[in-house]
Amino acid sequence: MQTVFDWLTVAIFAGLAVVYLQRSVGARPEHDAVWKYLPPAAACMAANQIGNAGWLIPATVLMCATLAYVWFVIRPLDRA
């Protein structure tokens, strides 16, 4: 955990994990499926690697796209 990308991608992934765990114990929304959590998790990994390699703008764009995906596809604030 040495770079900003390490911290930001771990924070995004932790938020994604919390949403998944919260939904796994209760009723799930109709749109929720387990496979939908894989793209943002993989994007966090890719953004971290790209950012640590020195490609700051592509990594930032990928992290923003990951947040947009989580907001519009996973919809963390939806109730069951």
PDB file of N, CA and C in Angstrom:
ATOM      1  N   MET A   1       0.836  -1.168   0.000  1.00  0.00           N
ATOM      2  CA  MET A   1       0.000   0.000   0.000  1.00  0.00           C
ATOM      3  C   MET A   1       0.888   1.240   0.000  1.00  0.00           C
ATOM      4  N   GLN A   2       1.449   1.507  -1.181  1.00  0.00           N
ATOM      5  CA  GLN A   2       2.401   2.600  -1.265  1.00  0.00           C
ATOM      6  C   GLN A   2       1.925   3.756  -2.124  1.00  0.00           C
ATOM      7  N   THR A   3       0.980   3.515  -3.020  1.00  0.00           N
ATOM      8  CA  THR A   3       0.559   4.581  -3.928  1.00  0.00           C
ATOM      9  C   THR A   3      -0.903   4.938  -3.693  1.00  0.00           C
ATOM     10  N   VAL A   4      -1.298   6.050  -4.284  1.00  0.00           N
ATOM     11  CA  VAL A   4      -2.696   6.485  -4.206  1.00  0.00           C
ATOM     12  C   VAL A   4      -3.598   5.447  -4.861  1.00  0.00           C
ATOM     13  N   PHE A   5      -3.116   4.840  -5.931  1.00  0.00           N
ATOM     14  CA  PHE A   5      -3.930   3.852  -6.626  1.00  0.00           C
ATOM     15  C   PHE A   5      -4.174   2.620  -5.761  1.00  0.00           C
ATOM     16  N   ASP A   6      -3.203   2.237  -4.955  1.00  0.00           N
ATOM     17  CA  ASP A   6      -3.413   1.128  -4.020  1.00  0.00           C
ATOM     18  C   ASP A   6      -4.580   1.440  -3.085  1.00  0.00           C
ATOM     19  N   TRP A   7      -4.555   2.619  -2.495  1.00  0.00           N
ATOM     20  CA  TRP A   7      -5.575   2.995  -1.522  1.00  0.00           C
ATOM     21  C   TRP A   7      -6.957   3.161  -2.169  1.00  0.00           C
ATOM     22  N   LEU A   8      -7.006   3.825  -3.307  1.00  0.00           N
ATOM     23  CA  LEU A   8      -8.304   4.068  -3.950  1.00  0.00           C
ATOM     24  C   LEU A   8      -8.952   2.796  -4.468  1.00  0.00           C
ATOM     25  N   THR A   9      -8.164   1.942  -5.100  1.00  0.00           N
ATOM     26  CA  THR A   9      -8.759   0.711  -5.631  1.00  0.00           C
ATOM     27  C   THR A   9      -9.178  -0.232  -4.504  1.00  0.00           C
ATOM     28  N   VAL A  10      -8.434  -0.267  -3.426  1.00  0.00           N
ATOM     29  CA  VAL A  10      -8.841  -1.087  -2.281  1.00  0.00           C
ATOM     30  C   VAL A  10     -10.122  -0.525  -1.664  1.00  0.00           C
ATOM     31  N   ALA A  11     -10.249   0.795  -1.601  1.00  0.00           N
ATOM     32  CA  ALA A  11     -11.471   1.404  -1.058  1.00  0.00           C
ATOM     33  C   ALA A  11     -12.681   1.078  -1.937  1.00  0.00           C
ATOM     34  N   ILE A  12     -12.515   1.167  -3.249  1.00  0.00           N
ATOM     35  CA  ILE A  12     -13.610   0.827  -4.157  1.00  0.00           C
ATOM     36  C   ILE A  12     -13.984  -0.642  -4.004  1.00  0.00           C
ATOM     37  N   PHE A  13     -12.979  -1.510  -3.972  1.00  0.00           N
ATOM     38  CA  PHE A  13     -13.238  -2.940  -3.830  1.00  0.00           C
ATOM     39  C   PHE A  13     -13.900  -3.246  -2.486  1.00  0.00           C
ATOM     40  N   ALA A  14     -13.468  -2.582  -1.426  1.00  0.00           N
ATOM     41  CA  ALA A  14     -14.075  -2.818  -0.109  1.00  0.00           C
ATOM     42  C   ALA A  14     -15.545  -2.407  -0.110  1.00  0.00           C
ATOM     43  N   GLY A  15     -15.859  -1.279  -0.742  1.00  0.00           N
ATOM     44  CA  GLY A  15     -17.257  -0.866  -0.850  1.00  0.00           C
ATOM     45  C   GLY A  15     -18.080  -1.865  -1.637  1.00  0.00           C
ATOM     46  N   LEU A  16     -17.503  -2.380  -2.697  1.00  0.00           N
ATOM     47  CA  LEU A  16     -18.186  -3.401  -3.502  1.00  0.00           C
ATOM     48  C   LEU A  16     -18.420  -4.667  -2.680  1.00  0.00           C
ATOM     49  N   ALA A  17     -17.430  -5.065  -1.899  1.00  0.00           N
ATOM     50  CA  ALA A  17     -17.566  -6.249  -1.057  1.00  0.00           C
ATOM     51  C   ALA A  17     -18.637  -6.063   0.010  1.00  0.00           C
ATOM     52  N   VAL A  18     -18.714  -4.867   0.569  1.00  0.00           N
ATOM     53  CA  VAL A  18     -19.739  -4.595   1.589  1.00  0.00           C
ATOM     54  C   VAL A  18     -21.137  -4.696   0.987  1.00  0.00           C
ATOM     55  N   VAL A  19     -21.325  -4.156  -0.205  1.00  0.00           N
ATOM     56  CA  VAL A  19     -22.632  -4.256  -0.870  1.00  0.00           C
ATOM     57  C   VAL A  19     -22.975  -5.722  -1.132  1.00  0.00           C
ATOM     58  N   TYR A  20     -22.003  -6.483  -1.619  1.00  0.00           N
ATOM     59  CA  TYR A  20     -22.245  -7.901  -1.897  1.00  0.00           C
ATOM     60  C   TYR A  20     -22.607  -8.660  -0.618  1.00  0.00           C
ATOM     61  N   LEU A  21     -21.848  -8.437   0.441  1.00  0.00           N
ATOM     62  CA  LEU A  21     -22.125  -9.142   1.689  1.00  0.00           C
ATOM     63  C   LEU A  21     -23.460  -8.720   2.292  1.00  0.00           C
ATOM     64  N   GLN A  22     -23.793  -7.461   2.190  1.00  0.00           N
ATOM     65  CA  GLN A  22     -25.078  -6.992   2.708  1.00  0.00           C
ATOM     66  C   GLN A  22     -26.226  -7.662   1.969  1.00  0.00           C
ATOM     67  N   ARG A  23     -26.086  -7.778   0.659  1.00  0.00           N
ATOM     68  CA  ARG A  23     -27.160  -8.390  -0.125  1.00  0.00           C
ATOM     69  C   ARG A  23     -27.184  -9.904   0.003  1.00  0.00           C
ATOM     70  N   SER A  24     -26.089 -10.515   0.418  1.00  0.00           N
ATOM     71  CA  SER A  24     -26.060 -11.971   0.513  1.00  0.00           C
ATOM     72  C   SER A  24     -26.806 -12.490   1.743  1.00  0.00           C
ATOM     73  N   VAL A  25     -27.060 -11.637   2.731  1.00  0.00           N
ATOM     74  CA  VAL A  25     -27.742 -12.086   3.934  1.00  0.00           C
ATOM     75  C   VAL A  25     -29.230 -11.774   3.921  1.00  0.00           C
ATOM     76  N   GLY A  26     -29.663 -10.930   3.021  1.00  0.00           N
ATOM     77  CA  GLY A  26     -31.069 -10.556   2.984  1.00  0.00           C
ATOM     78  C   GLY A  26     -31.665 -10.778   1.614  1.00  0.00           C
ATOM     79  N   ALA A  27     -32.796 -10.183   1.423  1.00  0.00           N
ATOM     80  CA  ALA A  27     -33.453 -10.268   0.113  1.00  0.00           C
ATOM     81  C   ALA A  27     -32.648  -9.463  -0.897  1.00  0.00           C
ATOM     82  N   ARG A  28     -32.492 -10.022  -2.080  1.00  0.00           N
ATOM     83  CA  ARG A  28     -31.714  -9.359  -3.134  1.00  0.00           C
ATOM     84  C   ARG A  28     -32.644  -8.638  -4.084  1.00  0.00           C
ATOM     85  N   PRO A  29     -32.191  -7.504  -4.615  1.00  0.00           N
ATOM     86  CA  PRO A  29     -32.981  -6.839  -5.656  1.00  0.00           C
ATOM     87  C   PRO A  29     -33.078  -7.721  -6.900  1.00  0.00           C
ATOM     88  N   GLU A  30     -34.095  -7.492  -7.688  1.00  0.00           N
ATOM     89  CA  GLU A  30     -34.329  -8.287  -8.903  1.00  0.00           C
ATOM     90  C   GLU A  30     -33.134  -8.246  -9.847  1.00  0.00           C
ATOM     91  N   HIS A  31     -32.493  -7.104  -9.974  1.00  0.00           N
ATOM     92  CA  HIS A  31     -31.423  -6.920 -10.943  1.00  0.00           C
ATOM     93  C   HIS A  31     -30.086  -7.485 -10.476  1.00  0.00           C
ATOM     94  N   ASP A  32     -29.991  -7.959  -9.251  1.00  0.00           N
ATOM     95  CA  ASP A  32     -28.714  -8.360  -8.673  1.00  0.00           C
ATOM     96  C   ASP A  32     -28.349  -9.785  -9.083  1.00  0.00           C
ATOM     97  N   ALA A  33     -27.127  -9.947  -9.559  1.00  0.00           N
ATOM     98  CA  ALA A  33     -26.585 -11.264  -9.892  1.00  0.00           C
ATOM     99  C   ALA A  33     -25.114 -11.278  -9.501  1.00  0.00           C
ATOM    100  N   VAL A  34     -24.618 -12.428  -9.102  1.00  0.00           N
ATOM    101  CA  VAL A  34     -23.245 -12.532  -8.624  1.00  0.00           C
ATOM    102  C   VAL A  34     -22.241 -12.167  -9.711  1.00  0.00           C
ATOM    103  N   TRP A  35     -22.490 -12.548 -10.946  1.00  0.00           N
ATOM    104  CA  TRP A  35     -21.534 -12.301 -12.027  1.00  0.00           C
ATOM    105  C   TRP A  35     -21.314 -10.812 -12.286  1.00  0.00           C
ATOM    106  N   LYS A  36     -22.262  -9.960 -11.882  1.00  0.00           N
ATOM    107  CA  LYS A  36     -22.125  -8.523 -12.110  1.00  0.00           C
ATOM    108  C   LYS A  36     -21.050  -7.885 -11.233  1.00  0.00           C
ATOM    109  N   TYR A  37     -20.584  -8.594 -10.219  1.00  0.00           N
ATOM    110  CA  TYR A  37     -19.550  -8.064  -9.336  1.00  0.00           C
ATOM    111  C   TYR A  37     -18.143  -8.313  -9.875  1.00  0.00           C
ATOM    112  N   LEU A  38     -17.985  -9.202 -10.838  1.00  0.00           N
ATOM    113  CA  LEU A  38     -16.669  -9.514 -11.377  1.00  0.00           C
ATOM    114  C   LEU A  38     -16.055  -8.371 -12.191  1.00  0.00           C
ATOM    115  N   PRO A  39     -16.781  -7.719 -13.119  1.00  0.00           N
ATOM    116  CA  PRO A  39     -16.144  -6.640 -13.887  1.00  0.00           C
ATOM    117  C   PRO A  39     -15.570  -5.505 -13.039  1.00  0.00           C
ATOM    118  N   PRO A  40     -16.287  -4.996 -12.024  1.00  0.00           N
ATOM    119  CA  PRO A  40     -15.662  -3.920 -11.244  1.00  0.00           C
ATOM    120  C   PRO A  40     -14.483  -4.401 -10.402  1.00  0.00           C
ATOM    121  N   ALA A  41     -14.534  -5.646  -9.929  1.00  0.00           N
ATOM    122  CA  ALA A  41     -13.398  -6.173  -9.165  1.00  0.00           C
ATOM    123  C   ALA A  41     -12.168  -6.300 -10.063  1.00  0.00           C
ATOM    124  N   ALA A  42     -12.364  -6.806 -11.275  1.00  0.00           N
ATOM    125  CA  ALA A  42     -11.250  -6.921 -12.219  1.00  0.00           C
ATOM    126  C   ALA A  42     -10.751  -5.543 -12.653  1.00  0.00           C
ATOM    127  N   ALA A  43     -11.655  -4.591 -12.798  1.00  0.00           N
ATOM    128  CA  ALA A  43     -11.257  -3.236 -13.185  1.00  0.00           C
ATOM    129  C   ALA A  43     -10.446  -2.568 -12.077  1.00  0.00           C
ATOM    130  N   CYS A  44     -10.773  -2.841 -10.824  1.00  0.00           N
ATOM    131  CA  CYS A  44      -9.969  -2.307  -9.717  1.00  0.00           C
ATOM    132  C   CYS A  44      -8.546  -2.856  -9.782  1.00  0.00           C
ATOM    133  N   MET A  45      -8.428  -4.143 -10.064  1.00  0.00           N
ATOM    134  CA  MET A  45      -7.105  -4.749 -10.182  1.00  0.00           C
ATOM    135  C   MET A  45      -6.335  -4.132 -11.344  1.00  0.00           C
ATOM    136  N   ALA A  46      -6.996  -3.981 -12.479  1.00  0.00           N
ATOM    137  CA  ALA A  46      -6.337  -3.419 -13.660  1.00  0.00           C
ATOM    138  C   ALA A  46      -5.949  -1.952 -13.433  1.00  0.00           C
ATOM    139  N   ALA A  47      -6.830  -1.170 -12.840  1.00  0.00           N
ATOM    140  CA  ALA A  47      -6.531   0.238 -12.580  1.00  0.00           C
ATOM    141  C   ALA A  47      -5.347   0.376 -11.632  1.00  0.00           C
ATOM    142  N   ASN A  48      -5.276  -0.488 -10.647  1.00  0.00           N
ATOM    143  CA  ASN A  48      -4.153  -0.453  -9.718  1.00  0.00           C
ATOM    144  C   ASN A  48      -2.847  -0.764 -10.446  1.00  0.00           C
ATOM    145  N   GLN A  49      -2.844  -1.791 -11.262  1.00  0.00           N
ATOM    146  CA  GLN A  49      -1.634  -2.158 -11.992  1.00  0.00           C
ATOM    147  C   GLN A  49      -1.217  -1.063 -12.976  1.00  0.00           C
ATOM    148  N   ILE A  50      -2.190  -0.539 -13.701  1.00  0.00           N
ATOM    149  CA  ILE A  50      -1.897   0.516 -14.680  1.00  0.00           C
ATOM    150  C   ILE A  50      -1.396   1.779 -13.976  1.00  0.00           C
ATOM    151  N   GLY A  51      -2.031   2.153 -12.881  1.00  0.00           N
ATOM    152  CA  GLY A  51      -1.619   3.336 -12.143  1.00  0.00           C
ATOM    153  C   GLY A  51      -0.237   3.195 -11.541  1.00  0.00           C
ATOM    154  N   ASN A  52       0.056   2.025 -11.003  1.00  0.00           N
ATOM    155  CA  ASN A  52       1.377   1.790 -10.425  1.00  0.00           C
ATOM    156  C   ASN A  52       2.468   1.756 -11.497  1.00  0.00           C
ATOM    157  N   ALA A  53       2.091   1.469 -12.737  1.00  0.00           N
ATOM    158  CA  ALA A  53       3.054   1.460 -13.843  1.00  0.00           C
ATOM    159  C   ALA A  53       3.320   2.865 -14.375  1.00  0.00           C
ATOM    160  N   GLY A  54       2.601   3.852 -13.864  1.00  0.00           N
ATOM    161  CA  GLY A  54       2.849   5.221 -14.272  1.00  0.00           C
ATOM    162  C   GLY A  54       1.854   5.792 -15.270  1.00  0.00           C
ATOM    163  N   TRP A  55       0.857   5.052 -15.645  1.00  0.00           N
ATOM    164  CA  TRP A  55      -0.167   5.513 -16.594  1.00  0.00           C
ATOM    165  C   TRP A  55      -1.303   6.135 -15.783  1.00  0.00           C
ATOM    166  N   LEU A  56      -1.121   7.380 -15.369  1.00  0.00           N
ATOM    167  CA  LEU A  56      -2.040   8.011 -14.423  1.00  0.00           C
ATOM    168  C   LEU A  56      -3.421   8.278 -15.023  1.00  0.00           C
ATOM    169  N   ILE A  57      -3.485   8.833 -16.210  1.00  0.00           N
ATOM    170  CA  ILE A  57      -4.783   9.190 -16.799  1.00  0.00           C
ATOM    171  C   ILE A  57      -5.606   7.954 -17.142  1.00  0.00           C
ATOM    172  N   PRO A  58      -5.044   6.929 -17.819  1.00  0.00           N
ATOM    173  CA  PRO A  58      -5.858   5.736 -18.075  1.00  0.00           C
ATOM    174  C   PRO A  58      -6.337   5.049 -16.795  1.00  0.00           C
ATOM    175  N   ALA A  59      -5.509   5.038 -15.770  1.00  0.00           N
ATOM    176  CA  ALA A  59      -5.914   4.421 -14.506  1.00  0.00           C
ATOM    177  C   ALA A  59      -7.045   5.209 -13.852  1.00  0.00           C
ATOM    178  N   THR A  60      -6.971   6.521 -13.904  1.00  0.00           N
ATOM    179  CA  THR A  60      -8.019   7.365 -13.333  1.00  0.00           C
ATOM    180  C   THR A  60      -9.330   7.190 -14.096  1.00  0.00           C
ATOM    181  N   VAL A  61      -9.239   7.140 -15.422  1.00  0.00           N
ATOM    182  CA  VAL A  61     -10.440   6.921 -16.239  1.00  0.00           C
ATOM    183  C   VAL A  61     -11.049   5.563 -15.921  1.00  0.00           C
ATOM    184  N   LEU A  62     -10.222   4.541 -15.763  1.00  0.00           N
ATOM    185  CA  LEU A  62     -10.727   3.207 -15.452  1.00  0.00           C
ATOM    186  C   LEU A  62     -11.382   3.167 -14.075  1.00  0.00           C
ATOM    187  N   MET A  63     -10.819   3.870 -13.112  1.00  0.00           N
ATOM    188  CA  MET A  63     -11.449   3.911 -11.794  1.00  0.00           C
ATOM    189  C   MET A  63     -12.782   4.649 -11.835  1.00  0.00           C
ATOM    190  N   CYS A  64     -12.854   5.724 -12.589  1.00  0.00           N
ATOM    191  CA  CYS A  64     -14.121   6.451 -12.735  1.00  0.00           C
ATOM    192  C   CYS A  64     -15.159   5.586 -13.451  1.00  0.00           C
ATOM    193  N   ALA A  65     -14.726   4.848 -14.456  1.00  0.00           N
ATOM    194  CA  ALA A  65     -15.638   3.942 -15.160  1.00  0.00           C
ATOM    195  C   ALA A  65     -16.114   2.831 -14.224  1.00  0.00           C
ATOM    196  N   THR A  66     -15.249   2.373 -13.358  1.00  0.00           N
ATOM    197  CA  THR A  66     -15.631   1.351 -12.379  1.00  0.00           C
ATOM    198  C   THR A  66     -16.691   1.887 -11.431  1.00  0.00           C
ATOM    199  N   LEU A  67     -16.502   3.103 -10.954  1.00  0.00           N
ATOM    200  CA  LEU A  67     -17.500   3.714 -10.069  1.00  0.00           C
ATOM    201  C   LEU A  67     -18.830   3.914 -10.784  1.00  0.00           C
ATOM    202  N   ALA A  68     -18.776   4.314 -12.056  1.00  0.00           N
ATOM    203  CA  ALA A  68     -20.006   4.470 -12.840  1.00  0.00           C
ATOM    204  C   ALA A  68     -20.702   3.127 -13.016  1.00  0.00           C
ATOM    205  N   TYR A  69     -19.946   2.075 -13.291  1.00  0.00           N
ATOM    206  CA  TYR A  69     -20.518   0.732 -13.428  1.00  0.00           C
ATOM    207  C   TYR A  69     -21.210   0.322 -12.126  1.00  0.00           C
ATOM    208  N   VAL A  70     -20.527   0.526 -11.018  1.00  0.00           N
ATOM    209  CA  VAL A  70     -21.121   0.155  -9.721  1.00  0.00           C
ATOM    210  C   VAL A  70     -22.394   0.947  -9.488  1.00  0.00           C
ATOM    211  N   TRP A  71     -22.380   2.229  -9.787  1.00  0.00           N
ATOM    212  CA  TRP A  71     -23.550   3.076  -9.539  1.00  0.00           C
ATOM    213  C   TRP A  71     -24.743   2.687 -10.416  1.00  0.00           C
ATOM    214  N   PHE A  72     -24.496   2.417 -11.714  1.00  0.00           N
ATOM    215  CA  PHE A  72     -25.593   2.176 -12.645  1.00  0.00           C
ATOM    216  C   PHE A  72     -25.985   0.715 -12.800  1.00  0.00           C
ATOM    217  N   VAL A  73     -25.066  -0.211 -12.573  1.00  0.00           N
ATOM    218  CA  VAL A  73     -25.369  -1.634 -12.759  1.00  0.00           C
ATOM    219  C   VAL A  73     -25.628  -2.321 -11.422  1.00  0.00           C
ATOM    220  N   ILE A  74     -24.735  -2.166 -10.481  1.00  0.00           N
ATOM    221  CA  ILE A  74     -24.907  -2.802  -9.159  1.00  0.00           C
ATOM    222  C   ILE A  74     -25.977  -2.060  -8.354  1.00  0.00           C
ATOM    223  N   ARG A  75     -26.047  -0.768  -8.503  1.00  0.00           N
ATOM    224  CA  ARG A  75     -27.006   0.106  -7.806  1.00  0.00           C
ATOM    225  C   ARG A  75     -26.992  -0.156  -6.295  1.00  0.00           C
ATOM    226  N   PRO A  76     -25.962   0.299  -5.605  1.00  0.00           N
ATOM    227  CA  PRO A  76     -25.795  -0.031  -4.196  1.00  0.00           C
ATOM    228  C   PRO A  76     -26.869   0.532  -3.270  1.00  0.00           C
ATOM    229  N   LEU A  77     -27.574   1.557  -3.681  1.00  0.00           N
ATOM    230  CA  LEU A  77     -28.573   2.149  -2.790  1.00  0.00           C
ATOM    231  C   LEU A  77     -29.981   1.591  -2.997  1.00  0.00           C
ATOM    232  N   ASP A  78     -30.149   0.671  -3.940  1.00  0.00           N
ATOM    233  CA  ASP A  78     -31.466   0.063  -4.170  1.00  0.00           C
ATOM    234  C   ASP A  78     -31.831  -0.873  -3.026  1.00  0.00           C
ATOM    235  N   ARG A  79     -33.070  -0.869  -2.707  1.00  0.00           N
ATOM    236  CA  ARG A  79     -33.581  -1.795  -1.687  1.00  0.00           C
ATOM    237  C   ARG A  79     -34.213  -2.992  -2.394  1.00  0.00           C
ATOM    238  N   ALA A  80     -34.307  -4.078  -1.681  1.00  0.00           N
ATOM    239  CA  ALA A  80     -34.889  -5.303  -2.260  1.00  0.00           C
ATOM    240  C   ALA A  80     -36.371  -5.154  -2.455  1.00  0.00           C
TER     241      ALA A  80
END
